[in-house]
Protein backbone atom coordinates (compact mmCIF):
# COMPACT_ATOMS: atom_id res chain seq x y z
CA MET A 1 -58.29 40.02 -5.71
CA PHE A 2 -59.60 38.49 -8.93
CA SER A 3 -60.13 40.88 -11.85
CA THR A 4 -61.88 40.28 -15.17
CA ASP A 5 -60.07 43.17 -16.86
CA THR A 6 -58.05 42.44 -19.98
CA ILE A 7 -54.44 43.16 -19.04
CA VAL A 8 -51.52 44.13 -21.28
CA ALA A 9 -47.75 44.33 -20.67
CA PRO A 10 -44.40 43.86 -22.40
CA ALA A 11 -43.20 40.29 -21.83
CA THR A 12 -39.60 41.11 -22.79
CA PRO A 13 -37.13 43.36 -20.91
CA PRO A 14 -36.85 47.06 -21.78
CA GLY A 15 -34.13 48.16 -24.18
CA GLU A 16 -33.16 47.22 -27.71
CA GLY A 17 -33.53 43.66 -28.96
CA GLY A 18 -34.23 41.63 -32.04
CA VAL A 19 -37.74 40.77 -30.84
CA GLY A 20 -40.10 42.36 -28.35
CA ILE A 21 -43.29 40.69 -27.14
CA ILE A 22 -46.53 42.32 -26.01
CA ARG A 23 -48.68 39.96 -23.94
CA VAL A 24 -52.47 40.34 -23.48
CA SER A 25 -54.70 38.22 -21.21
CA GLY A 26 -58.41 38.38 -20.50
CA PRO A 27 -61.84 38.14 -22.11
CA LEU A 28 -61.17 40.90 -24.68
CA SER A 29 -57.82 39.55 -25.88
CA ALA A 30 -59.03 38.22 -29.24
CA GLN A 31 -61.14 41.34 -29.83
CA LEU A 32 -58.17 43.66 -29.17
CA LEU A 33 -56.08 41.67 -31.63
CA ALA A 34 -58.84 41.77 -34.24
CA GLU A 35 -58.93 45.57 -33.97
CA THR A 36 -55.18 46.03 -34.37
CA PHE A 37 -53.83 43.10 -36.44
CA VAL A 38 -54.09 42.95 -40.23
CA GLY A 39 -53.45 39.46 -41.55
CA CYS A 40 -55.44 36.35 -40.77
CA PRO A 41 -58.87 37.13 -39.21
CA THR A 42 -58.76 36.23 -35.53
CA ASP A 43 -61.82 33.97 -35.74
CA ARG A 44 -59.91 31.80 -38.22
CA MET A 45 -56.71 31.69 -36.17
CA ARG A 46 -55.84 28.30 -34.71
CA SER A 47 -54.77 28.29 -31.09
CA HIS A 48 -51.01 28.30 -30.43
CA GLN A 49 -50.09 29.00 -34.07
CA LEU A 50 -48.13 32.07 -35.22
CA TYR A 51 -49.57 34.26 -37.98
CA HIS A 52 -47.71 36.89 -39.99
CA GLY A 53 -49.22 40.33 -40.53
CA GLN A 54 -49.11 44.00 -39.61
CA LEU A 55 -50.00 45.91 -36.49
CA ARG A 56 -51.95 49.01 -37.48
CA ALA A 57 -53.01 52.11 -35.57
CA ALA A 58 -56.59 53.47 -35.54
CA ASP A 59 -55.85 55.72 -38.54
CA GLY A 60 -54.64 52.74 -40.56
CA SER A 61 -50.93 53.59 -40.36
CA GLN A 62 -48.54 50.70 -39.89
CA VAL A 63 -46.98 50.33 -36.44
CA ASP A 64 -44.85 47.30 -37.28
CA GLU A 65 -44.59 44.02 -39.17
CA VAL A 66 -45.36 41.34 -36.58
CA LEU A 67 -46.15 37.74 -35.74
CA ALA A 68 -49.30 37.17 -33.68
CA VAL A 69 -50.58 34.16 -31.75
CA ILE A 70 -53.75 33.37 -29.80
CA MET A 71 -53.63 30.82 -26.97
CA ARG A 72 -57.24 30.06 -26.19
CA THR A 73 -58.65 29.25 -22.78
CA PRO A 74 -58.09 27.02 -20.88
CA HIS A 75 -54.85 25.97 -22.61
CA SER A 76 -52.85 29.12 -21.91
CA TYR A 77 -50.45 30.36 -19.24
CA THR A 78 -53.14 32.27 -17.36
CA GLY A 79 -56.04 29.93 -18.11
CA GLU A 80 -57.71 32.81 -20.01
CA ASP A 81 -57.52 33.79 -23.67
CA VAL A 82 -53.97 35.04 -24.16
CA VAL A 83 -52.59 36.97 -27.15
CA GLU A 84 -48.94 37.63 -27.90
CA VAL A 85 -47.67 40.00 -30.57
CA HIS A 86 -44.02 39.60 -31.57
CA CYS A 87 -42.67 42.96 -32.76
CA HIS A 88 -39.24 44.31 -33.53
CA GLY A 89 -37.60 44.92 -30.18
CA GLY A 90 -36.95 48.67 -30.31
CA PRO A 91 -38.21 50.85 -27.45
CA GLN A 92 -40.26 53.10 -29.76
CA ILE A 93 -42.01 50.19 -31.51
CA MET A 94 -42.76 48.51 -28.19
CA ARG A 95 -44.15 51.73 -26.75
CA GLN A 96 -46.42 52.28 -29.75
CA ALA A 97 -47.67 48.68 -29.71
CA LEU A 98 -48.35 48.82 -25.96
CA ASP A 99 -50.17 52.16 -26.26
CA LEU A 100 -52.26 50.76 -29.12
CA PHE A 101 -53.62 47.90 -27.00
CA LEU A 102 -54.17 50.19 -24.02
CA SER A 103 -56.14 52.62 -26.21
CA LYS A 104 -58.44 49.78 -27.30
CA GLY A 105 -59.49 48.96 -23.74
CA GLY A 106 -56.66 46.97 -22.23
CA ARG A 107 -55.24 47.79 -18.78
CA LEU A 108 -51.54 47.80 -17.92
CA ALA A 109 -50.84 44.67 -15.90
CA ASN A 110 -49.59 44.85 -12.34
CA PRO A 111 -46.32 43.10 -11.41
CA GLY A 112 -46.86 39.34 -11.50
CA GLU A 113 -50.51 39.64 -12.55
CA PHE A 114 -50.24 37.10 -15.38
CA THR A 115 -48.87 34.48 -12.97
CA GLN A 116 -51.37 35.55 -10.32
CA ARG A 117 -54.18 34.82 -12.77
CA ALA A 118 -52.63 31.43 -13.54
CA PHE A 119 -52.80 30.71 -9.80
CA LEU A 120 -56.34 32.04 -9.33
CA ASN A 121 -57.56 30.10 -12.38
CA GLY A 122 -56.07 26.86 -11.05
CA ARG A 123 -53.34 26.52 -13.71
CA LEU A 124 -50.64 26.62 -11.02
CA ASP A 125 -50.71 26.25 -7.26
CA LEU A 126 -48.89 28.85 -5.17
CA SER A 127 -45.63 26.94 -4.82
CA GLN A 128 -45.49 26.47 -8.59
CA ALA A 129 -46.24 30.16 -9.13
CA GLU A 130 -43.37 31.09 -6.80
CA ALA A 131 -41.08 28.78 -8.77
CA VAL A 132 -41.61 30.90 -11.90
CA ILE A 133 -39.60 33.78 -10.48
CA ASN A 134 -36.92 31.38 -9.20
CA VAL A 135 -36.50 29.91 -12.69
CA ILE A 136 -36.04 33.42 -14.07
CA ARG A 137 -33.56 34.42 -11.37
CA ALA A 138 -31.62 31.14 -11.19
CA ARG A 139 -27.89 31.84 -11.00
CA SER A 140 -26.61 28.34 -11.72
CA ALA A 141 -27.69 25.20 -13.59
CA GLU A 142 -28.44 23.36 -10.33
CA ALA A 143 -30.53 26.26 -9.00
CA CYS A 144 -32.49 26.20 -12.25
CA GLN A 145 -33.13 22.46 -11.91
CA VAL A 146 -34.43 22.93 -8.34
CA ALA A 147 -36.76 25.72 -9.50
CA LEU A 148 -37.96 23.70 -12.52
CA GLY A 149 -38.70 20.73 -10.26
CA GLN A 150 -40.86 22.97 -8.09
CA LEU A 151 -42.54 24.46 -11.17
CA ASN A 152 -43.33 20.95 -12.39
CA GLY A 153 -45.11 20.21 -9.12
CA ARG A 154 -42.63 18.06 -7.21
CA LEU A 155 -42.94 20.10 -4.02
CA SER A 156 -46.72 20.27 -4.42
CA GLN A 157 -46.91 16.48 -4.71
CA ARG A 158 -44.85 16.05 -1.54
CA VAL A 159 -46.99 18.55 0.36
CA HIS A 160 -50.20 16.91 -0.89
CA ARG A 161 -48.85 13.59 0.36
CA PHE A 162 -48.32 15.10 3.82
CA ALA A 163 -51.80 16.62 3.70
CA ASN A 164 -53.51 13.40 2.52
CA HIS A 165 -51.97 11.36 5.34
CA THR A 166 -52.94 14.05 7.86
CA ARG A 167 -56.45 14.31 6.41
CA THR A 168 -56.89 10.52 6.68
CA ALA A 169 -55.90 10.63 10.35
CA LEU A 170 -58.27 13.55 10.93
CA ALA A 171 -61.18 11.71 9.26
CA LEU A 172 -60.69 8.72 11.56
CA ILE A 173 -60.47 10.89 14.67
CA GLU A 174 -63.53 12.96 13.79
CA ALA A 175 -65.56 9.89 12.83
CA HIS A 176 -65.12 8.65 16.40
CA ILE A 177 -65.99 12.08 17.77
CA ASP A 178 -69.26 12.23 15.80
CA PHE A 179 -70.39 8.59 15.96
CA PRO A 180 -70.37 5.94 18.67
CA ASP A 181 -67.96 3.00 18.40
CA ASP A 182 -70.74 0.53 17.61
CA GLU A 183 -71.37 2.40 14.32
CA VAL A 184 -67.80 2.97 13.08
CA GLY A 185 -65.89 0.34 15.03
CA SER A 186 -63.18 0.90 17.63
CA LEU A 187 -60.43 3.43 16.92
CA ASP A 188 -56.94 1.97 16.48
CA LEU A 189 -55.15 5.06 17.76
CA THR A 190 -51.78 3.27 17.73
CA ALA A 191 -52.05 2.75 13.97
CA VAL A 192 -52.96 6.42 13.50
CA GLN A 193 -49.96 7.46 15.58
CA ARG A 194 -47.72 5.22 13.49
CA GLU A 195 -48.88 6.87 10.25
CA VAL A 196 -48.50 10.37 11.69
CA ALA A 197 -45.00 9.54 12.96
CA ALA A 198 -44.01 8.39 9.46
CA THR A 199 -45.27 11.70 8.06
CA VAL A 200 -43.20 13.59 10.65
CA GLU A 201 -40.09 11.68 9.53
CA ASP A 202 -40.85 12.49 5.89
CA MET A 203 -41.24 16.17 6.78
CA THR A 204 -37.92 16.12 8.61
CA ARG A 205 -36.15 14.74 5.54
CA LEU A 206 -37.62 17.54 3.46
CA LEU A 207 -36.65 20.18 6.01
CA ASP A 208 -33.07 18.90 5.98
CA THR A 209 -32.79 20.02 2.34
CA PHE A 210 -33.37 23.69 3.14
CA ASP A 211 -29.69 24.65 3.51
CA THR A 212 -29.04 23.25 0.05
CA GLY A 213 -32.06 24.97 -1.47
CA ARG A 214 -31.27 28.31 0.15
CA ILE A 215 -27.69 28.22 -1.08
CA LEU A 216 -28.68 27.21 -4.62
CA ARG A 217 -31.32 29.93 -4.80
CA ASP A 218 -29.63 32.80 -2.96
CA GLY A 219 -26.00 31.84 -3.46
CA ILE A 220 -23.12 31.27 -1.07
CA ASN A 221 -21.86 34.30 0.81
CA LEU A 222 -18.10 33.84 0.51
CA LEU A 223 -16.33 36.52 2.59
CA ILE A 224 -12.67 37.50 2.13
CA LEU A 225 -11.29 38.75 5.48
CA GLY A 226 -7.90 39.69 6.87
CA ARG A 227 -5.69 42.53 7.99
CA PRO A 228 -4.69 45.25 5.52
CA ASN A 229 -2.25 44.43 2.72
CA VAL A 230 -2.40 40.62 2.91
CA GLY A 231 -3.74 40.47 -0.65
CA LYS A 232 -7.50 40.25 -0.17
CA SER A 233 -8.33 42.37 -3.21
CA SER A 234 -5.69 40.60 -5.29
CA LEU A 235 -7.27 37.29 -4.30
CA MET A 236 -10.73 38.53 -5.34
CA ASN A 237 -9.39 39.66 -8.71
CA ALA A 238 -7.62 36.32 -9.22
CA MET A 239 -10.75 34.33 -8.35
CA LEU A 240 -12.89 36.42 -10.72
CA GLY A 241 -10.29 36.42 -13.47
CA GLU A 242 -10.52 40.20 -13.84
CA ALA A 243 -9.24 43.36 -12.12
CA ARG A 244 -12.42 44.17 -10.20
CA ALA A 245 -10.90 45.53 -6.97
CA ILE A 246 -8.29 48.30 -6.75
CA VAL A 247 -4.92 46.93 -5.61
CA THR A 248 -2.10 49.12 -4.23
CA GLU A 249 0.77 48.75 -1.79
CA ILE A 250 -0.96 51.26 0.51
CA PRO A 251 -2.58 49.51 3.50
CA GLY A 252 -6.32 50.25 3.84
CA THR A 253 -7.01 50.80 0.14
CA THR A 254 -10.36 48.99 0.43
CA ARG A 255 -12.66 51.14 2.57
CA ASP A 256 -15.99 49.39 1.91
CA THR A 257 -17.29 45.96 1.02
CA LEU A 258 -17.14 45.02 -2.65
CA GLU A 259 -19.39 42.25 -4.00
CA GLU A 260 -19.25 40.23 -7.22
CA SER A 261 -20.91 37.01 -8.46
CA MET A 262 -19.41 33.82 -9.85
CA VAL A 263 -20.29 30.11 -10.05
CA LEU A 264 -18.19 27.32 -8.53
CA GLY A 265 -19.05 23.64 -8.83
CA GLY A 266 -22.68 24.46 -9.60
CA PHE A 267 -22.96 26.82 -6.61
CA PRO A 268 -23.77 30.49 -7.22
CA ILE A 269 -21.23 32.50 -5.23
CA ARG A 270 -21.50 36.03 -3.84
CA LEU A 271 -17.83 36.93 -3.36
CA ILE A 272 -17.36 39.76 -0.83
CA ASP A 273 -14.11 41.69 -0.39
CA THR A 274 -13.86 43.65 2.86
CA ALA A 275 -11.80 46.42 4.40
CA GLY A 276 -8.69 45.26 6.22
CA VAL A 277 -9.34 44.53 9.90
CA ARG A 278 -7.23 46.70 12.17
CA ASP A 279 -7.49 49.41 14.82
CA THR A 280 -7.43 52.79 13.09
CA ASP A 281 -8.20 56.45 13.79
CA ASN A 282 -9.44 57.05 10.22
CA LEU A 283 -13.23 57.45 10.46
CA ILE A 284 -13.87 56.18 6.92
CA GLU A 285 -11.67 53.14 7.46
CA GLN A 286 -13.33 52.52 10.83
CA GLU A 287 -16.71 52.31 9.09
CA GLY A 288 -15.26 49.86 6.55
CA VAL A 289 -13.91 47.68 9.35
CA ARG A 290 -17.28 47.81 11.13
CA ARG A 291 -19.04 46.66 7.97
CA ALA A 292 -16.52 43.86 7.50
CA LYS A 293 -17.25 42.63 11.04
CA ASP A 294 -21.00 42.76 10.37
CA LYS A 295 -20.58 40.65 7.23
CA VAL A 296 -18.77 37.85 9.09
CA GLY A 297 -21.95 36.70 10.82
CA MET A 298 -23.81 36.56 7.48
CA ALA A 299 -21.10 34.61 5.65
CA ASP A 300 -21.52 30.95 4.75
CA LEU A 301 -17.75 30.59 4.54
CA VAL A 302 -14.92 33.00 5.43
CA LEU A 303 -11.64 33.02 3.52
CA LEU A 304 -9.27 34.33 6.20
CA VAL A 305 -6.26 35.60 4.27
CA LEU A 306 -2.79 35.61 5.86
CA ASP A 307 0.50 36.82 4.40
CA ALA A 308 2.52 33.61 4.35
CA SER A 309 5.78 35.54 3.94
CA GLU A 310 5.47 37.34 7.29
CA PRO A 311 5.05 36.22 10.90
CA LEU A 312 1.55 36.43 12.34
CA LYS A 313 0.63 39.88 13.62
CA GLU A 314 -1.80 41.02 16.26
CA GLU A 315 -4.12 42.25 13.49
CA ASP A 316 -4.19 38.69 12.04
CA ARG A 317 -5.32 37.40 15.42
CA LEU A 318 -7.93 40.19 15.63
CA ALA A 319 -9.37 39.10 12.28
CA ALA A 320 -9.26 35.44 13.34
CA SER A 321 -11.13 36.24 16.56
CA LEU A 322 -14.14 37.27 14.46
CA CYS A 323 -14.35 33.89 12.71
CA ALA A 324 -15.87 30.52 13.63
CA PRO A 325 -13.25 27.86 12.74
CA GLU A 326 -15.86 25.47 11.26
CA LYS A 327 -16.92 28.19 8.80
CA THR A 328 -13.42 29.41 7.99
CA LEU A 329 -10.77 28.42 5.46
CA LEU A 330 -7.28 29.88 5.96
CA VAL A 331 -5.74 31.18 2.74
CA LEU A 332 -1.96 31.50 3.00
CA ASN A 333 -1.23 34.09 0.32
CA LYS A 334 2.05 35.26 -1.25
CA VAL A 335 3.62 31.78 -1.33
CA ASP A 336 5.64 32.95 -4.33
CA ARG A 337 7.85 34.36 -1.54
CA PRO A 338 9.47 32.24 1.22
CA ASN A 339 6.58 30.63 3.13
CA ILE A 340 7.14 30.86 6.88
CA LEU A 341 3.56 30.07 7.96
CA GLU A 342 3.19 26.60 6.38
CA ASP A 343 4.20 24.87 9.61
CA GLN A 344 2.61 27.47 11.92
CA PRO A 345 -1.15 27.20 11.41
CA LEU A 346 -3.29 29.67 13.32
CA GLU A 347 -4.48 28.12 16.58
CA GLY A 348 -7.88 26.43 16.25
CA PHE A 349 -7.98 26.64 12.43
CA LEU A 350 -7.13 23.29 10.88
CA ARG A 351 -7.91 23.82 7.18
CA HIS A 352 -5.68 25.93 4.98
CA VAL A 353 -4.80 26.41 1.31
CA SER A 354 -1.62 28.02 -0.04
CA VAL A 355 -1.94 30.43 -2.98
CA SER A 356 -0.21 33.24 -4.79
CA ALA A 357 -2.92 35.67 -5.87
CA LYS A 358 -0.31 37.70 -7.74
CA LEU A 359 0.78 34.73 -9.90
CA GLU A 360 -2.65 33.04 -9.77
CA GLN A 361 -1.14 29.88 -8.30
CA GLY A 362 -3.10 27.49 -6.08
CA LEU A 363 -6.50 28.77 -7.19
CA GLU A 364 -7.72 25.33 -8.28
CA ALA A 365 -6.93 23.94 -4.82
CA LEU A 366 -8.78 26.89 -3.27
CA PHE A 367 -11.84 26.38 -5.49
CA GLU A 368 -11.83 22.65 -4.71
CA ALA A 369 -11.67 23.34 -0.95
CA VAL A 370 -14.64 25.75 -1.16
CA VAL A 371 -16.78 23.32 -3.18
CA THR A 372 -15.81 20.39 -0.93
CA HIS A 373 -16.88 22.37 2.14
CA PHE A 374 -20.40 22.84 0.79
CA ASP A 375 -20.64 19.39 -0.81
CA ARG A 376 -19.86 17.86 2.56
CA ARG A 377 -22.03 20.21 4.58
CA VAL A 378 -25.28 20.38 2.66
CA VAL A 379 -25.33 18.64 -0.67
CA ALA A 380 -24.02 15.09 -0.47
CA GLY A 381 -27.02 13.77 1.46
CA ASP A 382 -29.61 16.02 -0.14
CA ARG A 383 -28.98 14.81 -3.69
CA ARG A 384 -30.87 11.66 -2.70
CA GLU A 385 -33.99 13.81 -2.36
CA ASP A 386 -35.98 14.61 -5.50
CA VAL A 387 -37.48 17.69 -3.80
CA VAL A 388 -35.48 20.53 -2.26
CA LEU A 389 -36.93 23.33 -0.12
CA SER A 390 -35.60 26.70 -1.23
CA GLU A 391 -38.16 29.22 0.11
CA ARG A 392 -38.06 30.24 3.77
CA ARG A 393 -41.86 30.62 3.65
CA HIS A 394 -42.18 26.96 2.73
CA GLN A 395 -39.69 25.91 5.39
CA GLU A 396 -41.60 27.78 8.08
CA ALA A 397 -44.91 26.26 6.96
CA VAL A 398 -43.53 22.71 7.07
CA LEU A 399 -41.97 23.44 10.48
CA ARG A 400 -45.38 24.57 11.79
CA ALA A 401 -47.09 21.52 10.33
CA ARG A 402 -44.49 19.17 11.81
CA HIS A 403 -44.77 20.89 15.19
CA SER A 404 -48.55 20.37 15.17
CA LEU A 405 -48.16 16.68 14.29
CA MET A 406 -45.57 16.24 17.04
CA ARG A 407 -48.00 17.82 19.51
CA PHE A 408 -50.63 15.37 18.25
CA LEU A 409 -48.31 12.44 18.98
CA GLU A 410 -47.45 13.78 22.42
CA SER A 411 -51.12 14.42 23.26
CA ALA A 412 -52.12 10.95 22.04
CA GLN A 413 -49.45 9.43 24.29
CA HIS A 414 -51.08 11.19 27.25
CA ALA A 415 -54.59 10.07 26.28
CA ALA A 416 -55.80 13.57 25.43
CA PRO A 417 -59.44 13.92 24.31
CA LEU A 418 -60.07 13.24 20.63
CA GLU A 419 -61.26 16.83 20.18
CA CYS A 420 -57.79 18.08 21.17
CA LEU A 421 -56.11 15.65 18.76
CA SER A 422 -58.40 16.88 16.00
CA ILE A 423 -57.32 20.50 16.58
CA GLU A 424 -53.62 19.61 16.13
CA LEU A 425 -54.32 17.81 12.85
CA ARG A 426 -56.37 20.73 11.55
CA GLU A 427 -53.55 23.17 12.38
CA ALA A 428 -51.09 20.97 10.47
CA LEU A 429 -53.38 21.00 7.43
CA ALA A 430 -53.74 24.79 7.62
CA ALA A 431 -49.96 25.21 7.66
CA LEU A 432 -49.50 22.90 4.66
CA GLY A 433 -52.26 24.73 2.78
CA GLN A 434 -50.23 27.93 2.98
CA ILE A 435 -47.58 26.37 0.74
CA THR A 436 -49.97 25.49 -2.07
CA GLY A 437 -52.17 28.56 -1.58
CA GLU A 438 -55.30 26.91 -0.19
CA THR A 439 -55.06 28.76 3.14
CA THR A 440 -52.65 31.60 2.30
CA PRO A 441 -53.89 35.07 3.43
CA ASP A 442 -54.51 37.63 0.68
CA ASP A 443 -51.82 40.01 1.96
CA ILE A 444 -49.18 37.26 1.62
CA LEU A 445 -50.40 36.49 -1.90
CA GLU A 446 -50.12 40.15 -2.88
CA GLN A 447 -46.61 40.32 -1.45
CA ILE A 448 -45.50 37.22 -3.36
CA PHE A 449 -46.76 38.37 -6.75
CA SER A 450 -45.49 41.94 -6.26
CA GLU A 451 -41.94 40.60 -6.53
CA PHE A 452 -42.51 39.54 -10.15
CA CYS A 453 -41.75 41.67 -13.19
CA VAL A 454 -44.70 43.39 -14.90
CA GLY A 455 -44.83 41.05 -17.94
CA LYS A 456 -44.87 37.86 -15.88
């Protein structure tokens, strides 16, 4: 997996911009800069200091006026010598600058290869490397804080604490396997069990944060559901503050799901408008209804929209039958007209909010009800934790480690041989090592870094 090539890539997104950055990492970084940069000689450049000059092609023609910096090993992002050249951010300039470094012996970097080198060179462990992409993709301030905490090593510290306690227990067990009691003293297995049980409790507290972490990283799936013409698309437009969905008086206007993003109370929201739920002979509308039904099971919260100015219809009850009451908020729409549903809540659904999507009335109460639902469900208790799990891979690894420790406790209770207890502790350590990268298979590492952009 490890390569000693000198790699090159744009570190800024494609397109026009005020500044574009070419990043170079590897043993030839300083040499490539010396051959292309006219300004301060590279051997006189101080690490981490910008120098003004020109980038010149092999024939001496000017490519651009630039700023250049060398970040010398080991104090760089990758742990290798790293060079950055700050050009004007036009596509043509960036292409010429990139081609210039490639012609001098650099190789175009693979996706995530800079961060992969940081991991392989010990600058970051695997959980910190994964946090890099989550910082970049964070869709809310709270999601960014969770990702930054992981990048700063908070999750790694917690995992190392689990591993150290497990390793201590394993050392005691294996000492009594390898040496007689008269050399190492008698084994206090009860004390070992007590320490392992405390680690299991600590793991459980961390696992309980996963719902929060998943929602902050991936966003809340907020599904708008209901029969045709109750105002679902109007509600989506009102919540977004723009005319995103087509609204007409014709029932069944929305034939497919429509998704948009917003942020509420620090939560990134994926707002999903669906086709009206009803029995229909129209094949296109049938497909839209099928997709709406499929989305219900994936939703974190369903906004079941009813027309408050009309009695409940069979199609309302059909839509309601798809929903779990604990994951559903009734939205009584069109309350700018006489409201006849206020005192007739749908059976089994206790929570409701009254709005007028047309006049944008009641939206604050709706937003507050959505945020309160998630504050109560996943966040209120988790804010006491300084570490939040957000990656399913990490959750599964901690679950495996906890399961192994629980098997250890059960086996110890039944006086299992010490060799069997040792196996359970080793399996727990192997699972924890997959989080930090110590025991992660190469194919998983490749998959993780392939999700990064080329310049990171």
